[in-house]
Amino acid sequence: MDVYSGSLSIYKILKEAISFLEMKSITKKEVFAEWTGRDINDYRIITLSDTSQWMLKFHNDEKRFVHLFPARLSPHSFRIKANTLKSAILYYIIIGKDYITGEDLNRARTLLGYRL
């Protein structure tokens, strides 16, 4: 998964994405679906003010049809394996340490019963 690490707040990211959609007149569900495509592999990428890139995908829901997330290899983002993130969160919950090293992740995996 890709994690955004830039300086834009969640509010600013959403505001810029909404402004983009409004400027292009693609705020209605059907229009958005046509623009992005409906297939699981269909998406569009937009660039925000900090040069970060964001993927927009169609989600078939009446009110929440825009799925927004950092694009792969986008500026101001990094890629992380989901299991690594889960281990870090578990370690933080159990130990309460906010700076987590690779050794800490291995300890968390041991707590889960993972073989190293």
PDB file of N, CA and C in Angstrom:
ATOM      1  N   MET A   1       0.846  -1.169   0.000  1.00  0.00           N
ATOM      2  CA  MET A   1       0.000   0.000   0.000  1.00  0.00           C
ATOM      3  C   MET A   1       0.894   1.234   0.000  1.00  0.00           C
ATOM      4  N   ASP A   2       0.365   2.330  -0.507  1.00  0.00           N
ATOM      5  CA  ASP A   2       1.103   3.578  -0.537  1.00  0.00           C
ATOM      6  C   ASP A   2       0.560   4.496   0.549  1.00  0.00           C
ATOM      7  N   VAL A   3       1.463   5.145   1.271  1.00  0.00           N
ATOM      8  CA  VAL A   3       1.103   6.019   2.376  1.00  0.00           C
ATOM      9  C   VAL A   3       1.594   7.426   2.052  1.00  0.00           C
ATOM     10  N   TYR A   4       0.704   8.396   2.126  1.00  0.00           N
ATOM     11  CA  TYR A   4       1.057   9.788   1.862  1.00  0.00           C
ATOM     12  C   TYR A   4       1.829  10.349   3.056  1.00  0.00           C
ATOM     13  N   SER A   5       2.958  11.009   2.783  1.00  0.00           N
ATOM     14  CA  SER A   5       3.783  11.579   3.857  1.00  0.00           C
ATOM     15  C   SER A   5       4.069  13.065   3.616  1.00  0.00           C
ATOM     16  N   GLY A   6       3.281  13.686   2.761  1.00  0.00           N
ATOM     17  CA  GLY A   6       3.486  15.094   2.436  1.00  0.00           C
ATOM     18  C   GLY A   6       2.910  16.034   3.483  1.00  0.00           C
ATOM     19  N   SER A   7       2.928  17.304   3.157  1.00  0.00           N
ATOM     20  CA  SER A   7       2.536  18.336   4.122  1.00  0.00           C
ATOM     21  C   SER A   7       1.065  18.736   4.044  1.00  0.00           C
ATOM     22  N   LEU A   8       0.349  18.272   3.036  1.00  0.00           N
ATOM     23  CA  LEU A   8      -1.060  18.649   2.929  1.00  0.00           C
ATOM     24  C   LEU A   8      -1.892  17.936   3.990  1.00  0.00           C
ATOM     25  N   SER A   9      -2.793  18.669   4.601  1.00  0.00           N
ATOM     26  CA  SER A   9      -3.704  18.072   5.579  1.00  0.00           C
ATOM     27  C   SER A   9      -4.776  17.280   4.837  1.00  0.00           C
ATOM     28  N   ILE A  10      -5.466  16.424   5.556  1.00  0.00           N
ATOM     29  CA  ILE A  10      -6.566  15.665   4.962  1.00  0.00           C
ATOM     30  C   ILE A  10      -7.599  16.635   4.387  1.00  0.00           C
ATOM     31  N   TYR A  11      -7.886  17.681   5.128  1.00  0.00           N
ATOM     32  CA  TYR A  11      -8.844  18.691   4.671  1.00  0.00           C
ATOM     33  C   TYR A  11      -8.402  19.300   3.342  1.00  0.00           C
ATOM     34  N   LYS A  12      -7.132  19.654   3.228  1.00  0.00           N
ATOM     35  CA  LYS A  12      -6.610  20.277   2.010  1.00  0.00           C
ATOM     36  C   LYS A  12      -6.635  19.290   0.838  1.00  0.00           C
ATOM     37  N   ILE A  13      -6.276  18.037   1.086  1.00  0.00           N
ATOM     38  CA  ILE A  13      -6.318  17.013   0.038  1.00  0.00           C
ATOM     39  C   ILE A  13      -7.742  16.881  -0.499  1.00  0.00           C
ATOM     40  N   LEU A  14      -8.692  16.757   0.406  1.00  0.00           N
ATOM     41  CA  LEU A  14     -10.089  16.609  -0.012  1.00  0.00           C
ATOM     42  C   LEU A  14     -10.591  17.854  -0.726  1.00  0.00           C
ATOM     43  N   LYS A  15     -10.234  19.018  -0.209  1.00  0.00           N
ATOM     44  CA  LYS A  15     -10.663  20.275  -0.824  1.00  0.00           C
ATOM     45  C   LYS A  15     -10.131  20.390  -2.252  1.00  0.00           C
ATOM     46  N   GLU A  16      -8.862  20.061  -2.458  1.00  0.00           N
ATOM     47  CA  GLU A  16      -8.277  20.138  -3.793  1.00  0.00           C
ATOM     48  C   GLU A  16      -8.889  19.108  -4.737  1.00  0.00           C
ATOM     49  N   ALA A  17      -9.145  17.904  -4.250  1.00  0.00           N
ATOM     50  CA  ALA A  17      -9.761  16.873  -5.081  1.00  0.00           C
ATOM     51  C   ALA A  17     -11.178  17.280  -5.476  1.00  0.00           C
ATOM     52  N   ILE A  18     -11.938  17.787  -4.531  1.00  0.00           N
ATOM     53  CA  ILE A  18     -13.304  18.245  -4.821  1.00  0.00           C
ATOM     54  C   ILE A  18     -13.275  19.410  -5.800  1.00  0.00           C
ATOM     55  N   SER A  19     -12.359  20.349  -5.608  1.00  0.00           N
ATOM     56  CA  SER A  19     -12.235  21.482  -6.532  1.00  0.00           C
ATOM     57  C   SER A  19     -11.936  21.007  -7.946  1.00  0.00           C
ATOM     58  N   PHE A  20     -11.070  20.009  -8.075  1.00  0.00           N
ATOM     59  CA  PHE A  20     -10.752  19.442  -9.385  1.00  0.00           C
ATOM     60  C   PHE A  20     -12.012  18.874 -10.030  1.00  0.00           C
ATOM     61  N   LEU A  21     -12.760  18.073  -9.267  1.00  0.00           N
ATOM     62  CA  LEU A  21     -13.975  17.458  -9.797  1.00  0.00           C
ATOM     63  C   LEU A  21     -15.008  18.516 -10.183  1.00  0.00           C
ATOM     64  N   GLU A  22     -15.147  19.555  -9.370  1.00  0.00           N
ATOM     65  CA  GLU A  22     -16.085  20.635  -9.679  1.00  0.00           C
ATOM     66  C   GLU A  22     -15.660  21.386 -10.936  1.00  0.00           C
ATOM     67  N   MET A  23     -14.370  21.662 -11.070  1.00  0.00           N
ATOM     68  CA  MET A  23     -13.849  22.384 -12.229  1.00  0.00           C
ATOM     69  C   MET A  23     -14.107  21.602 -13.525  1.00  0.00           C
ATOM     70  N   LYS A  24     -14.027  20.279 -13.455  1.00  0.00           N
ATOM     71  CA  LYS A  24     -14.235  19.421 -14.625  1.00  0.00           C
ATOM     72  C   LYS A  24     -15.702  19.001 -14.786  1.00  0.00           C
ATOM     73  N   SER A  25     -16.555  19.455 -13.872  1.00  0.00           N
ATOM     74  CA  SER A  25     -17.995  19.117 -13.886  1.00  0.00           C
ATOM     75  C   SER A  25     -18.227  17.604 -13.839  1.00  0.00           C
ATOM     76  N   ILE A  26     -17.520  16.944 -12.935  1.00  0.00           N
ATOM     77  CA  ILE A  26     -17.683  15.493 -12.777  1.00  0.00           C
ATOM     78  C   ILE A  26     -18.015  15.133 -11.323  1.00  0.00           C
ATOM     79  N   THR A  27     -18.974  15.869 -10.763  1.00  0.00           N
ATOM     80  CA  THR A  27     -19.364  15.631  -9.369  1.00  0.00           C
ATOM     81  C   THR A  27     -20.594  14.726  -9.233  1.00  0.00           C
ATOM     82  N   LYS A  28     -21.244  14.425 -10.324  1.00  0.00           N
ATOM     83  CA  LYS A  28     -22.398  13.515 -10.283  1.00  0.00           C
ATOM     84  C   LYS A  28     -21.914  12.078 -10.461  1.00  0.00           C
ATOM     85  N   LYS A  29     -22.591  11.155  -9.801  1.00  0.00           N
ATOM     86  CA  LYS A  29     -22.178   9.749  -9.794  1.00  0.00           C
ATOM     87  C   LYS A  29     -21.987   9.175 -11.197  1.00  0.00           C
ATOM     88  N   GLU A  30     -22.968   9.326 -12.064  1.00  0.00           N
ATOM     89  CA  GLU A  30     -22.892   8.728 -13.404  1.00  0.00           C
ATOM     90  C   GLU A  30     -21.791   9.360 -14.248  1.00  0.00           C
ATOM     91  N   VAL A  31     -21.636  10.658 -14.130  1.00  0.00           N
ATOM     92  CA  VAL A  31     -20.590  11.360 -14.889  1.00  0.00           C
ATOM     93  C   VAL A  31     -19.211  10.918 -14.396  1.00  0.00           C
ATOM     94  N   PHE A  32     -19.068  10.812 -13.075  1.00  0.00           N
ATOM     95  CA  PHE A  32     -17.797  10.359 -12.504  1.00  0.00           C
ATOM     96  C   PHE A  32     -17.483   8.934 -12.951  1.00  0.00           C
ATOM     97  N   ALA A  33     -18.489   8.075 -12.943  1.00  0.00           N
ATOM     98  CA  ALA A  33     -18.302   6.675 -13.348  1.00  0.00           C
ATOM     99  C   ALA A  33     -17.851   6.585 -14.804  1.00  0.00           C
ATOM    100  N   GLU A  34     -18.407   7.407 -15.657  1.00  0.00           N
ATOM    101  CA  GLU A  34     -17.994   7.421 -17.061  1.00  0.00           C
ATOM    102  C   GLU A  34     -16.565   7.937 -17.203  1.00  0.00           C
ATOM    103  N   TRP A  35     -16.210   8.941 -16.421  1.00  0.00           N
ATOM    104  CA  TRP A  35     -14.877   9.549 -16.501  1.00  0.00           C
ATOM    105  C   TRP A  35     -13.797   8.577 -16.021  1.00  0.00           C
ATOM    106  N   THR A  36     -14.044   7.910 -14.899  1.00  0.00           N
ATOM    107  CA  THR A  36     -13.032   6.990 -14.357  1.00  0.00           C
ATOM    108  C   THR A  36     -13.117   5.608 -14.984  1.00  0.00           C
ATOM    109  N   GLY A  37     -14.298   5.216 -15.380  1.00  0.00           N
ATOM    110  CA  GLY A  37     -14.546   3.840 -15.794  1.00  0.00           C
ATOM    111  C   GLY A  37     -15.096   3.062 -14.616  1.00  0.00           C
ATOM    112  N   ARG A  38     -15.791   1.991 -14.896  1.00  0.00           N
ATOM    113  CA  ARG A  38     -16.466   1.213 -13.850  1.00  0.00           C
ATOM    114  C   ARG A  38     -15.747  -0.083 -13.499  1.00  0.00           C
ATOM    115  N   ASP A  39     -14.832  -0.500 -14.331  1.00  0.00           N
ATOM    116  CA  ASP A  39     -14.122  -1.759 -14.125  1.00  0.00           C
ATOM    117  C   ASP A  39     -13.163  -1.638 -12.940  1.00  0.00           C
ATOM    118  N   ILE A  40     -12.868  -2.754 -12.304  1.00  0.00           N
ATOM    119  CA  ILE A  40     -11.972  -2.757 -11.141  1.00  0.00           C
ATOM    120  C   ILE A  40     -10.580  -2.208 -11.471  1.00  0.00           C
ATOM    121  N   ASN A  41     -10.177  -2.319 -12.712  1.00  0.00           N
ATOM    122  CA  ASN A  41      -8.859  -1.828 -13.126  1.00  0.00           C
ATOM    123  C   ASN A  41      -8.881  -0.401 -13.667  1.00  0.00           C
ATOM    124  N   ASP A  42     -10.047   0.238 -13.700  1.00  0.00           N
ATOM    125  CA  ASP A  42     -10.173   1.601 -14.217  1.00  0.00           C
ATOM    126  C   ASP A  42      -9.923   2.622 -13.114  1.00  0.00           C
ATOM    127  N   TYR A  43      -9.234   3.687 -13.466  1.00  0.00           N
ATOM    128  CA  TYR A  43      -8.963   4.775 -12.518  1.00  0.00           C
ATOM    129  C   TYR A  43      -8.463   5.991 -13.278  1.00  0.00           C
ATOM    130  N   ARG A  44      -8.396   7.105 -12.583  1.00  0.00           N
ATOM    131  CA  ARG A  44      -7.786   8.337 -13.097  1.00  0.00           C
ATOM    132  C   ARG A  44      -6.836   8.847 -12.027  1.00  0.00           C
ATOM    133  N   ILE A  45      -5.808   9.554 -12.455  1.00  0.00           N
ATOM    134  CA  ILE A  45      -4.840  10.144 -11.521  1.00  0.00           C
ATOM    135  C   ILE A  45      -4.882  11.654 -11.659  1.00  0.00           C
ATOM    136  N   ILE A  46      -4.941  12.331 -10.503  1.00  0.00           N
ATOM    137  CA  ILE A  46      -4.871  13.790 -10.476  1.00  0.00           C
ATOM    138  C   ILE A  46      -3.641  14.201  -9.664  1.00  0.00           C
ATOM    139  N   THR A  47      -3.154  15.395  -9.941  1.00  0.00           N
ATOM    140  CA  THR A  47      -1.996  15.938  -9.229  1.00  0.00           C
ATOM    141  C   THR A  47      -2.456  17.120  -8.392  1.00  0.00           C
ATOM    142  N   LEU A  48      -2.041  17.128  -7.125  1.00  0.00           N
ATOM    143  CA  LEU A  48      -2.416  18.211  -6.221  1.00  0.00           C
ATOM    144  C   LEU A  48      -1.308  19.262  -6.137  1.00  0.00           C
ATOM    145  N   SER A  49      -1.544  20.311  -5.365  1.00  0.00           N
ATOM    146  CA  SER A  49      -0.648  21.471  -5.319  1.00  0.00           C
ATOM    147  C   SER A  49       0.770  21.148  -4.858  1.00  0.00           C
ATOM    148  N   ASP A  50       0.959  20.076  -4.100  1.00  0.00           N
ATOM    149  CA  ASP A  50       2.307  19.717  -3.623  1.00  0.00           C
ATOM    150  C   ASP A  50       2.991  18.715  -4.564  1.00  0.00           C
ATOM    151  N   THR A  51       2.434  18.493  -5.733  1.00  0.00           N
ATOM    152  CA  THR A  51       2.883  17.553  -6.764  1.00  0.00           C
ATOM    153  C   THR A  51       2.558  16.096  -6.437  1.00  0.00           C
ATOM    154  N   SER A  52       1.889  15.840  -5.320  1.00  0.00           N
ATOM    155  CA  SER A  52       1.485  14.456  -5.020  1.00  0.00           C
ATOM    156  C   SER A  52       0.413  14.039  -6.020  1.00  0.00           C
ATOM    157  N   GLN A  53       0.399  12.749  -6.318  1.00  0.00           N
ATOM    158  CA  GLN A  53      -0.571  12.213  -7.257  1.00  0.00           C
ATOM    159  C   GLN A  53      -1.536  11.304  -6.510  1.00  0.00           C
ATOM    160  N   TRP A  54      -2.807  11.382  -6.906  1.00  0.00           N
ATOM    161  CA  TRP A  54      -3.868  10.653  -6.225  1.00  0.00           C
ATOM    162  C   TRP A  54      -4.719   9.914  -7.236  1.00  0.00           C
ATOM    163  N   MET A  55      -5.027   8.673  -6.918  1.00  0.00           N
ATOM    164  CA  MET A  55      -5.882   7.851  -7.768  1.00  0.00           C
ATOM    165  C   MET A  55      -7.333   8.084  -7.386  1.00  0.00           C
ATOM    166  N   LEU A  56      -8.162   8.190  -8.395  1.00  0.00           N
ATOM    167  CA  LEU A  56      -9.604   8.287  -8.218  1.00  0.00           C
ATOM    168  C   LEU A  56     -10.221   7.071  -8.886  1.00  0.00           C
ATOM    169  N   LYS A  57     -11.004   6.329  -8.122  1.00  0.00           N
ATOM    170  CA  LYS A  57     -11.689   5.146  -8.639  1.00  0.00           C
ATOM    171  C   LYS A  57     -13.177   5.283  -8.332  1.00  0.00           C
ATOM    172  N   PHE A  58     -13.979   4.667  -9.184  1.00  0.00           N
ATOM    173  CA  PHE A  58     -15.420   4.647  -8.975  1.00  0.00           C
ATOM    174  C   PHE A  58     -15.784   3.561  -7.972  1.00  0.00           C
ATOM    175  N   HIS A  59     -16.640   3.919  -7.019  1.00  0.00           N
ATOM    176  CA  HIS A  59     -17.193   2.972  -6.050  1.00  0.00           C
ATOM    177  C   HIS A  59     -18.707   3.057  -6.175  1.00  0.00           C
ATOM    178  N   ASN A  60     -19.360   1.938  -6.411  1.00  0.00           N
ATOM    179  CA  ASN A  60     -20.792   1.926  -6.672  1.00  0.00           C
ATOM    180  C   ASN A  60     -21.594   2.096  -5.381  1.00  0.00           C
ATOM    181  N   ASP A  61     -21.680   3.331  -4.939  1.00  0.00           N
ATOM    182  CA  ASP A  61     -22.455   3.698  -3.758  1.00  0.00           C
ATOM    183  C   ASP A  61     -23.157   5.018  -4.086  1.00  0.00           C
ATOM    184  N   GLU A  62     -24.352   5.196  -3.611  1.00  0.00           N
ATOM    185  CA  GLU A  62     -25.123   6.393  -3.959  1.00  0.00           C
ATOM    186  C   GLU A  62     -24.455   7.695  -3.508  1.00  0.00           C
ATOM    187  N   LYS A  63     -23.924   7.734  -2.291  1.00  0.00           N
ATOM    188  CA  LYS A  63     -23.349   8.966  -1.761  1.00  0.00           C
ATOM    189  C   LYS A  63     -21.826   8.992  -1.790  1.00  0.00           C
ATOM    190  N   ARG A  64     -21.189   7.855  -1.586  1.00  0.00           N
ATOM    191  CA  ARG A  64     -19.722   7.784  -1.514  1.00  0.00           C
ATOM    192  C   ARG A  64     -19.180   6.999  -2.707  1.00  0.00           C
ATOM    193  N   PHE A  65     -19.216   7.617  -3.865  1.00  0.00           N
ATOM    194  CA  PHE A  65     -18.820   6.921  -5.087  1.00  0.00           C
ATOM    195  C   PHE A  65     -17.396   7.247  -5.527  1.00  0.00           C
ATOM    196  N   VAL A  66     -16.731   8.182  -4.832  1.00  0.00           N
ATOM    197  CA  VAL A  66     -15.348   8.532  -5.166  1.00  0.00           C
ATOM    198  C   VAL A  66     -14.414   7.850  -4.171  1.00  0.00           C
ATOM    199  N   HIS A  67     -13.515   7.019  -4.686  1.00  0.00           N
ATOM    200  CA  HIS A  67     -12.495   6.368  -3.867  1.00  0.00           C
ATOM    201  C   HIS A  67     -11.186   7.082  -4.177  1.00  0.00           C
ATOM    202  N   LEU A  68     -10.584   7.706  -3.173  1.00  0.00           N
ATOM    203  CA  LEU A  68      -9.382   8.528  -3.333  1.00  0.00           C
ATOM    204  C   LEU A  68      -8.252   7.953  -2.495  1.00  0.00           C
ATOM    205  N   PHE A  69      -7.087   7.726  -3.119  1.00  0.00           N
ATOM    206  CA  PHE A  69      -5.937   7.238  -2.368  1.00  0.00           C
ATOM    207  C   PHE A  69      -4.647   7.600  -3.110  1.00  0.00           C
ATOM    208  N   PRO A  70      -3.505   7.609  -2.400  1.00  0.00           N
ATOM    209  CA  PRO A  70      -2.244   7.987  -3.056  1.00  0.00           C
ATOM    210  C   PRO A  70      -1.924   7.062  -4.221  1.00  0.00           C
ATOM    211  N   ALA A  71      -1.467   7.652  -5.312  1.00  0.00           N
ATOM    212  CA  ALA A  71      -1.076   6.864  -6.472  1.00  0.00           C
ATOM    213  C   ALA A  71       0.240   6.152  -6.185  1.00  0.00           C
ATOM    214  N   ARG A  72       0.430   5.043  -6.848  1.00  0.00           N
ATOM    215  CA  ARG A  72       1.654   4.263  -6.685  1.00  0.00           C
ATOM    216  C   ARG A  72       2.858   5.100  -7.105  1.00  0.00           C
ATOM    217  N   LEU A  73       3.878   5.117  -6.271  1.00  0.00           N
ATOM    218  CA  LEU A  73       5.125   5.850  -6.512  1.00  0.00           C
ATOM    219  C   LEU A  73       4.918   7.351  -6.663  1.00  0.00           C
ATOM    220  N   SER A  74       3.878   7.868  -6.052  1.00  0.00           N
ATOM    221  CA  SER A  74       3.593   9.302  -6.080  1.00  0.00           C
ATOM    222  C   SER A  74       4.641  10.070  -5.276  1.00  0.00           C
ATOM    223  N   PRO A  75       4.965  11.305  -5.704  1.00  0.00           N
ATOM    224  CA  PRO A  75       5.801  12.143  -4.841  1.00  0.00           C
ATOM    225  C   PRO A  75       5.144  12.275  -3.467  1.00  0.00           C
ATOM    226  N   HIS A  76       5.951  12.363  -2.440  1.00  0.00           N
ATOM    227  CA  HIS A  76       5.494  12.524  -1.053  1.00  0.00           C
ATOM    228  C   HIS A  76       4.739  11.311  -0.521  1.00  0.00           C
ATOM    229  N   SER A  77       5.078  10.137  -1.015  1.00  0.00           N
ATOM    230  CA  SER A  77       4.473   8.925  -0.475  1.00  0.00           C
ATOM    231  C   SER A  77       5.529   7.826  -0.426  1.00  0.00           C
ATOM    232  N   PHE A  78       5.237   6.799   0.342  1.00  0.00           N
ATOM    233  CA  PHE A  78       6.133   5.648   0.407  1.00  0.00           C
ATOM    234  C   PHE A  78       5.287   4.388   0.385  1.00  0.00           C
ATOM    235  N   ARG A  79       5.906   3.316  -0.051  1.00  0.00           N
ATOM    236  CA  ARG A  79       5.226   2.028  -0.193  1.00  0.00           C
ATOM    237  C   ARG A  79       5.566   1.170   1.020  1.00  0.00           C
ATOM    238  N   ILE A  80       4.569   0.495   1.548  1.00  0.00           N
ATOM    239  CA  ILE A  80       4.778  -0.371   2.706  1.00  0.00           C
ATOM    240  C   ILE A  80       3.923  -1.618   2.547  1.00  0.00           C
ATOM    241  N   LYS A  81       4.461  -2.737   2.991  1.00  0.00           N
ATOM    242  CA  LYS A  81       3.688  -3.977   2.965  1.00  0.00           C
ATOM    243  C   LYS A  81       2.642  -3.929   4.079  1.00  0.00           C
ATOM    244  N   ALA A  82       1.471  -4.419   3.783  1.00  0.00           N
ATOM    245  CA  ALA A  82       0.372  -4.372   4.750  1.00  0.00           C
ATOM    246  C   ALA A  82       0.728  -5.097   6.043  1.00  0.00           C
ATOM    247  N   ASN A  83       1.426  -6.238   5.961  1.00  0.00           N
ATOM    248  CA  ASN A  83       1.792  -6.966   7.178  1.00  0.00           C
ATOM    249  C   ASN A  83       2.759  -6.172   8.044  1.00  0.00           C
ATOM    250  N   THR A  84       3.652  -5.415   7.421  1.00  0.00           N
ATOM    251  CA  THR A  84       4.570  -4.576   8.183  1.00  0.00           C
ATOM    252  C   THR A  84       3.798  -3.501   8.936  1.00  0.00           C
ATOM    253  N   LEU A  85       2.840  -2.876   8.267  1.00  0.00           N
ATOM    254  CA  LEU A  85       2.028  -1.851   8.910  1.00  0.00           C
ATOM    255  C   LEU A  85       1.205  -2.443  10.053  1.00  0.00           C
ATOM    256  N   LYS A  86       0.617  -3.611   9.835  1.00  0.00           N
ATOM    257  CA  LYS A  86      -0.164  -4.271  10.889  1.00  0.00           C
ATOM    258  C   LYS A  86       0.716  -4.573  12.103  1.00  0.00           C
ATOM    259  N   SER A  87       1.931  -5.045  11.848  1.00  0.00           N
ATOM    260  CA  SER A  87       2.848  -5.345  12.956  1.00  0.00           C
ATOM    261  C   SER A  87       3.206  -4.088  13.721  1.00  0.00           C
ATOM    262  N   ALA A  88       3.440  -2.988  13.001  1.00  0.00           N
ATOM    263  CA  ALA A  88       3.783  -1.717  13.655  1.00  0.00           C
ATOM    264  C   ALA A  88       2.628  -1.210  14.511  1.00  0.00           C
ATOM    265  N   ILE A  89       1.420  -1.314  13.994  1.00  0.00           N
ATOM    266  CA  ILE A  89       0.246  -0.877  14.753  1.00  0.00           C
ATOM    267  C   ILE A  89       0.063  -1.742  15.993  1.00  0.00           C
ATOM    268  N   LEU A  90       0.206  -3.046  15.846  1.00  0.00           N
ATOM    269  CA  LEU A  90       0.093  -3.951  16.983  1.00  0.00           C
ATOM    270  C   LEU A  90       1.120  -3.601  18.055  1.00  0.00           C
ATOM    271  N   TYR A  91       2.368  -3.393  17.631  1.00  0.00           N
ATOM    272  CA  TYR A  91       3.421  -3.062  18.585  1.00  0.00           C
ATOM    273  C   TYR A  91       3.101  -1.763  19.303  1.00  0.00           C
ATOM    274  N   TYR A  92       2.626  -0.786  18.564  1.00  0.00           N
ATOM    275  CA  TYR A  92       2.274   0.505  19.168  1.00  0.00           C
ATOM    276  C   TYR A  92       1.152   0.337  20.191  1.00  0.00           C
ATOM    277  N   ILE A  93       0.151  -0.470  19.856  1.00  0.00           N
ATOM    278  CA  ILE A  93      -0.977  -0.694  20.770  1.00  0.00           C
ATOM    279  C   ILE A  93      -0.516  -1.413  22.033  1.00  0.00           C
ATOM    280  N   ILE A  94       0.287  -2.457  21.882  1.00  0.00           N
ATOM    281  CA  ILE A  94       0.699  -3.260  23.033  1.00  0.00           C
ATOM    282  C   ILE A  94       1.778  -2.562  23.864  1.00  0.00           C
ATOM    283  N   ILE A  95       2.791  -2.020  23.212  1.00  0.00           N
ATOM    284  CA  ILE A  95       3.946  -1.445  23.912  1.00  0.00           C
ATOM    285  C   ILE A  95       3.791   0.059  24.129  1.00  0.00           C
ATOM    286  N   GLY A  96       3.146   0.746  23.194  1.00  0.00           N
ATOM    287  CA  GLY A  96       2.946   2.185  23.327  1.00  0.00           C
ATOM    288  C   GLY A  96       4.123   3.022  22.861  1.00  0.00           C
ATOM    289  N   LYS A  97       5.046   2.411  22.157  1.00  0.00           N
ATOM    290  CA  LYS A  97       6.234   3.110  21.671  1.00  0.00           C
ATOM    291  C   LYS A  97       5.924   3.698  20.296  1.00  0.00           C
ATOM    292  N   ASP A  98       6.207   4.998  20.093  1.00  0.00           N
ATOM    293  CA  ASP A  98       5.836   5.608  18.815  1.00  0.00           C
ATOM    294  C   ASP A  98       6.945   5.588  17.766  1.00  0.00           C
ATOM    295  N   TYR A  99       8.183   5.282  18.131  1.00  0.00           N
ATOM    296  CA  TYR A  99       9.245   5.095  17.143  1.00  0.00           C
ATOM    297  C   TYR A  99       9.548   3.607  17.119  1.00  0.00           C
ATOM    298  N   ILE A 100       9.267   2.960  16.012  1.00  0.00           N
ATOM    299  CA  ILE A 100       9.341   1.503  15.939  1.00  0.00           C
ATOM    300  C   ILE A 100      10.434   1.093  14.968  1.00  0.00           C
ATOM    301  N   THR A 101      11.350   0.278  15.452  1.00  0.00           N
ATOM    302  CA  THR A 101      12.470  -0.193  14.632  1.00  0.00           C
ATOM    303  C   THR A 101      12.133  -1.544  13.996  1.00  0.00           C
ATOM    304  N   GLY A 102      13.004  -2.012  13.119  1.00  0.00           N
ATOM    305  CA  GLY A 102      12.835  -3.329  12.518  1.00  0.00           C
ATOM    306  C   GLY A 102      12.833  -4.428  13.571  1.00  0.00           C
ATOM    307  N   GLU A 103      13.675  -4.265  14.574  1.00  0.00           N
ATOM    308  CA  GLU A 103      13.719  -5.236  15.668  1.00  0.00           C
ATOM    309  C   GLU A 103      12.382  -5.263  16.417  1.00  0.00           C
ATOM    310  N   ASP A 104      11.792  -4.081  16.620  1.00  0.00           N
ATOM    311  CA  ASP A 104      10.486  -3.997  17.271  1.00  0.00           C
ATOM    312  C   ASP A 104       9.425  -4.731  16.453  1.00  0.00           C
ATOM    313  N   LEU A 105       9.468  -4.575  15.121  1.00  0.00           N
ATOM    314  CA  LEU A 105       8.508  -5.261  14.260  1.00  0.00           C
ATOM    315  C   LEU A 105       8.642  -6.769  14.396  1.00  0.00           C
ATOM    316  N   ASN A 106       9.877  -7.242  14.479  1.00  0.00           N
ATOM    317  CA  ASN A 106      10.088  -8.685  14.649  1.00  0.00           C
ATOM    318  C   ASN A 106       9.525  -9.162  15.980  1.00  0.00           C
ATOM    319  N   ARG A 107       9.656  -8.359  17.036  1.00  0.00           N
ATOM    320  CA  ARG A 107       9.058  -8.711  18.328  1.00  0.00           C
ATOM    321  C   ARG A 107       7.534  -8.804  18.208  1.00  0.00           C
ATOM    322  N   ALA A 108       6.951  -7.841  17.506  1.00  0.00           N
ATOM    323  CA  ALA A 108       5.493  -7.845  17.328  1.00  0.00           C
ATOM    324  C   ALA A 108       5.054  -9.075  16.549  1.00  0.00           C
ATOM    325  N   ARG A 109       5.809  -9.439  15.535  1.00  0.00           N
ATOM    326  CA  ARG A 109       5.475 -10.632  14.750  1.00  0.00           C
ATOM    327  C   ARG A 109       5.560 -11.884  15.617  1.00  0.00           C
ATOM    328  N   THR A 110       6.538 -11.925  16.522  1.00  0.00           N
ATOM    329  CA  THR A 110       6.653 -13.055  17.439  1.00  0.00           C
ATOM    330  C   THR A 110       5.414 -13.128  18.316  1.00  0.00           C
ATOM    331  N   LEU A 111       4.927 -11.965  18.779  1.00  0.00           N
ATOM    332  CA  LEU A 111       3.705 -11.939  19.593  1.00  0.00           C
ATOM    333  C   LEU A 111       2.521 -12.522  18.840  1.00  0.00           C
ATOM    334  N   LEU A 112       2.505 -12.334  17.522  1.00  0.00           N
ATOM    335  CA  LEU A 112       1.423 -12.871  16.681  1.00  0.00           C
ATOM    336  C   LEU A 112       1.625 -14.330  16.307  1.00  0.00           C
ATOM    337  N   GLY A 113       2.830 -14.852  16.604  1.00  0.00           N
ATOM    338  CA  GLY A 113       3.128 -16.225  16.259  1.00  0.00           C
ATOM    339  C   GLY A 113       3.722 -16.393  14.879  1.00  0.00           C
ATOM    340  N   TYR A 114       4.150 -15.287  14.221  1.00  0.00           N
ATOM    341  CA  TYR A 114       4.804 -15.389  12.932  1.00  0.00           C
ATOM    342  C   TYR A 114       6.196 -15.940  13.099  1.00  0.00           C
ATOM    343  N   ARG A 115       6.623 -16.755  12.177  1.00  0.00           N
ATOM    344  CA  ARG A 115       8.008 -17.241  12.159  1.00  0.00           C
ATOM    345  C   ARG A 115       8.856 -16.222  11.413  1.00  0.00           C
ATOM    346  N   LEU A 116      10.017 -15.922  11.951  1.00  0.00           N
ATOM    347  CA  LEU A 116      10.901 -14.948  11.316  1.00  0.00           C
ATOM    348  C   LEU A 116      11.800 -15.597  10.311  1.00  0.00           C
TER     349      LEU A 116
END
